[in-house]
Amino acid sequence: MENSADSAKTKTNHLLENLEKKLFRAEKRKHEVSLKQIENVKNRLFPSGTLQERVVNIAPMYVNYGDDFLSSLIENFQPLGGDFTLLLPS
């Protein structure tokens, strides 16, 4: 009887260890996805590691969004504010 209890205990411990490893791998994958998403946003906002306005030309944005784009820039831009301004398409 004692041998079967020890065997069941060992088997249960082994199953718990495997479950813990699976949970750890799943959590690691979840964080990797989040980190990749953050990195993608950073790369879009700061292409080549620099300010977007120094790399991206305004002409395609003007063509896509028209005069409203320029009005929105003028309305929201505060050159001496020291903060970044993020404009999202409506």
C-alpha atoms as a PDB file:
ATOM      1  CA  MET A   1       0.000   0.000   0.000  1.00  0.00           C
ATOM      2  CA  GLU A   2       2.841   2.381   0.856  1.00  0.00           C
ATOM      3  CA  ASN A   3       4.528   1.748  -2.516  1.00  0.00           C
ATOM      4  CA  SER A   4       1.389   2.656  -4.440  1.00  0.00           C
ATOM      5  CA  ALA A   5       0.982   5.853  -2.374  1.00  0.00           C
ATOM      6  CA  ASP A   6       4.610   6.790  -3.049  1.00  0.00           C
ATOM      7  CA  SER A   7       4.123   6.028  -6.732  1.00  0.00           C
ATOM      8  CA  ALA A   8       0.993   8.199  -6.899  1.00  0.00           C
ATOM      9  CA  LYS A   9       2.803  11.001  -5.043  1.00  0.00           C
ATOM     10  CA  THR A  10       5.749  10.852  -7.459  1.00  0.00           C
ATOM     11  CA  LYS A  11       3.444  10.817 -10.470  1.00  0.00           C
ATOM     12  CA  THR A  12       1.453  13.761  -9.108  1.00  0.00           C
ATOM     13  CA  ASN A  13       4.633  15.750  -8.432  1.00  0.00           C
ATOM     14  CA  HIS A  14       5.832  15.035 -11.961  1.00  0.00           C
ATOM     15  CA  LEU A  15       2.493  16.187 -13.435  1.00  0.00           C
ATOM     16  CA  LEU A  16       2.602  19.373 -11.346  1.00  0.00           C
ATOM     17  CA  GLU A  17       6.150  20.118 -12.482  1.00  0.00           C
ATOM     18  CA  ASN A  18       5.127  19.687 -16.132  1.00  0.00           C
ATOM     19  CA  LEU A  19       2.094  21.917 -15.607  1.00  0.00           C
ATOM     20  CA  GLU A  20       4.279  24.581 -14.006  1.00  0.00           C
ATOM     21  CA  LYS A  21       6.672  24.475 -16.973  1.00  0.00           C
ATOM     22  CA  LYS A  22       3.788  24.799 -19.444  1.00  0.00           C
ATOM     23  CA  LEU A  23       2.332  27.761 -17.550  1.00  0.00           C
ATOM     24  CA  PHE A  24       5.738  29.441 -17.434  1.00  0.00           C
ATOM     25  CA  ARG A  25       6.224  29.015 -21.207  1.00  0.00           C
ATOM     26  CA  ALA A  26       2.719  30.341 -21.912  1.00  0.00           C
ATOM     27  CA  GLU A  27       3.316  33.413 -19.740  1.00  0.00           C
ATOM     28  CA  LYS A  28       6.658  34.016 -21.429  1.00  0.00           C
ATOM     29  CA  ARG A  29       5.012  33.866 -24.893  1.00  0.00           C
ATOM     30  CA  LYS A  30       2.329  36.289 -23.726  1.00  0.00           C
ATOM     31  CA  HIS A  31       4.944  38.810 -22.620  1.00  0.00           C
ATOM     32  CA  GLU A  32       6.941  38.372 -25.824  1.00  0.00           C
ATOM     33  CA  VAL A  33       3.845  39.275 -27.864  1.00  0.00           C
ATOM     34  CA  SER A  34       3.252  42.383 -25.736  1.00  0.00           C
ATOM     35  CA  LEU A  35       6.892  43.441 -26.043  1.00  0.00           C
ATOM     36  CA  LYS A  36       6.777  43.007 -29.835  1.00  0.00           C
ATOM     37  CA  GLN A  37       3.626  45.138 -30.019  1.00  0.00           C
ATOM     38  CA  ILE A  38       5.271  47.882 -27.958  1.00  0.00           C
ATOM     39  CA  GLU A  39       8.388  47.714 -30.127  1.00  0.00           C
ATOM     40  CA  ASN A  40       6.269  48.023 -33.306  1.00  0.00           C
ATOM     41  CA  VAL A  41       4.513  51.127 -31.964  1.00  0.00           C
ATOM     42  CA  LYS A  42       7.859  52.626 -30.972  1.00  0.00           C
ATOM     43  CA  ASN A  43       9.290  51.965 -34.442  1.00  0.00           C
ATOM     44  CA  ARG A  44       6.290  53.606 -36.115  1.00  0.00           C
ATOM     45  CA  LEU A  45       6.468  56.670 -33.867  1.00  0.00           C
ATOM     46  CA  PHE A  46      10.276  56.911 -33.991  1.00  0.00           C
ATOM     47  CA  PRO A  47      11.437  55.458 -37.346  1.00  0.00           C
ATOM     48  CA  SER A  48      15.174  54.749 -37.415  1.00  0.00           C
ATOM     49  CA  GLY A  49      15.226  55.763 -33.742  1.00  0.00           C
ATOM     50  CA  THR A  50      14.624  59.439 -34.492  1.00  0.00           C
ATOM     51  CA  LEU A  51      11.681  61.801 -34.544  1.00  0.00           C
ATOM     52  CA  GLN A  52       9.048  60.892 -37.126  1.00  0.00           C
ATOM     53  CA  GLU A  53       8.920  64.356 -38.684  1.00  0.00           C
ATOM     54  CA  ARG A  54      12.616  64.075 -39.555  1.00  0.00           C
ATOM     55  CA  VAL A  55      12.135  60.857 -41.521  1.00  0.00           C
ATOM     56  CA  VAL A  56       8.564  60.760 -42.843  1.00  0.00           C
ATOM     57  CA  ASN A  57       7.486  63.169 -45.579  1.00  0.00           C
ATOM     58  CA  ILE A  58       4.292  65.137 -44.971  1.00  0.00           C
ATOM     59  CA  ALA A  59       3.119  64.881 -48.605  1.00  0.00           C
ATOM     60  CA  PRO A  60       1.571  61.359 -48.400  1.00  0.00           C
ATOM     61  CA  MET A  61      -0.298  62.341 -45.238  1.00  0.00           C
ATOM     62  CA  TYR A  62      -1.621  65.464 -46.931  1.00  0.00           C
ATOM     63  CA  VAL A  63      -2.774  63.411 -49.922  1.00  0.00           C
ATOM     64  CA  ASN A  64      -4.498  60.852 -47.662  1.00  0.00           C
ATOM     65  CA  TYR A  65      -6.140  63.266 -45.204  1.00  0.00           C
ATOM     66  CA  GLY A  66      -6.460  66.504 -47.207  1.00  0.00           C
ATOM     67  CA  ASP A  67      -6.777  70.023 -45.856  1.00  0.00           C
ATOM     68  CA  ASP A  68      -8.241  68.711 -42.592  1.00  0.00           C
ATOM     69  CA  PHE A  69      -4.838  67.214 -41.834  1.00  0.00           C
ATOM     70  CA  LEU A  70      -3.074  70.585 -42.001  1.00  0.00           C
ATOM     71  CA  SER A  71      -5.847  72.236 -39.962  1.00  0.00           C
ATOM     72  CA  SER A  72      -5.523  69.508 -37.354  1.00  0.00           C
ATOM     73  CA  LEU A  73      -1.759  70.005 -37.191  1.00  0.00           C
ATOM     74  CA  ILE A  74      -2.101  73.747 -36.715  1.00  0.00           C
ATOM     75  CA  GLU A  75      -4.843  73.307 -34.121  1.00  0.00           C
ATOM     76  CA  ASN A  76      -2.997  70.691 -32.020  1.00  0.00           C
ATOM     77  CA  PHE A  77       0.662  71.574 -32.417  1.00  0.00           C
ATOM     78  CA  GLN A  78       2.305  73.501 -29.587  1.00  0.00           C
ATOM     79  CA  PRO A  79       5.940  73.986 -30.627  1.00  0.00           C
ATOM     80  CA  LEU A  80       7.097  75.321 -27.261  1.00  0.00           C
ATOM     81  CA  GLY A  81       5.091  72.859 -25.178  1.00  0.00           C
ATOM     82  CA  GLY A  82       7.863  70.259 -24.926  1.00  0.00           C
ATOM     83  CA  ASP A  83       5.398  67.350 -25.203  1.00  0.00           C
ATOM     84  CA  PHE A  84       4.813  64.916 -28.037  1.00  0.00           C
ATOM     85  CA  THR A  85       1.508  65.217 -29.864  1.00  0.00           C
ATOM     86  CA  LEU A  86      -0.126  62.098 -31.245  1.00  0.00           C
ATOM     87  CA  LEU A  87      -2.781  62.647 -33.913  1.00  0.00           C
ATOM     88  CA  LEU A  88      -5.005  59.699 -34.774  1.00  0.00           C
ATOM     89  CA  PRO A  89      -7.107  59.447 -37.937  1.00  0.00           C
ATOM     90  CA  SER A  90     -10.792  59.963 -37.245  1.00  0.00           C
END
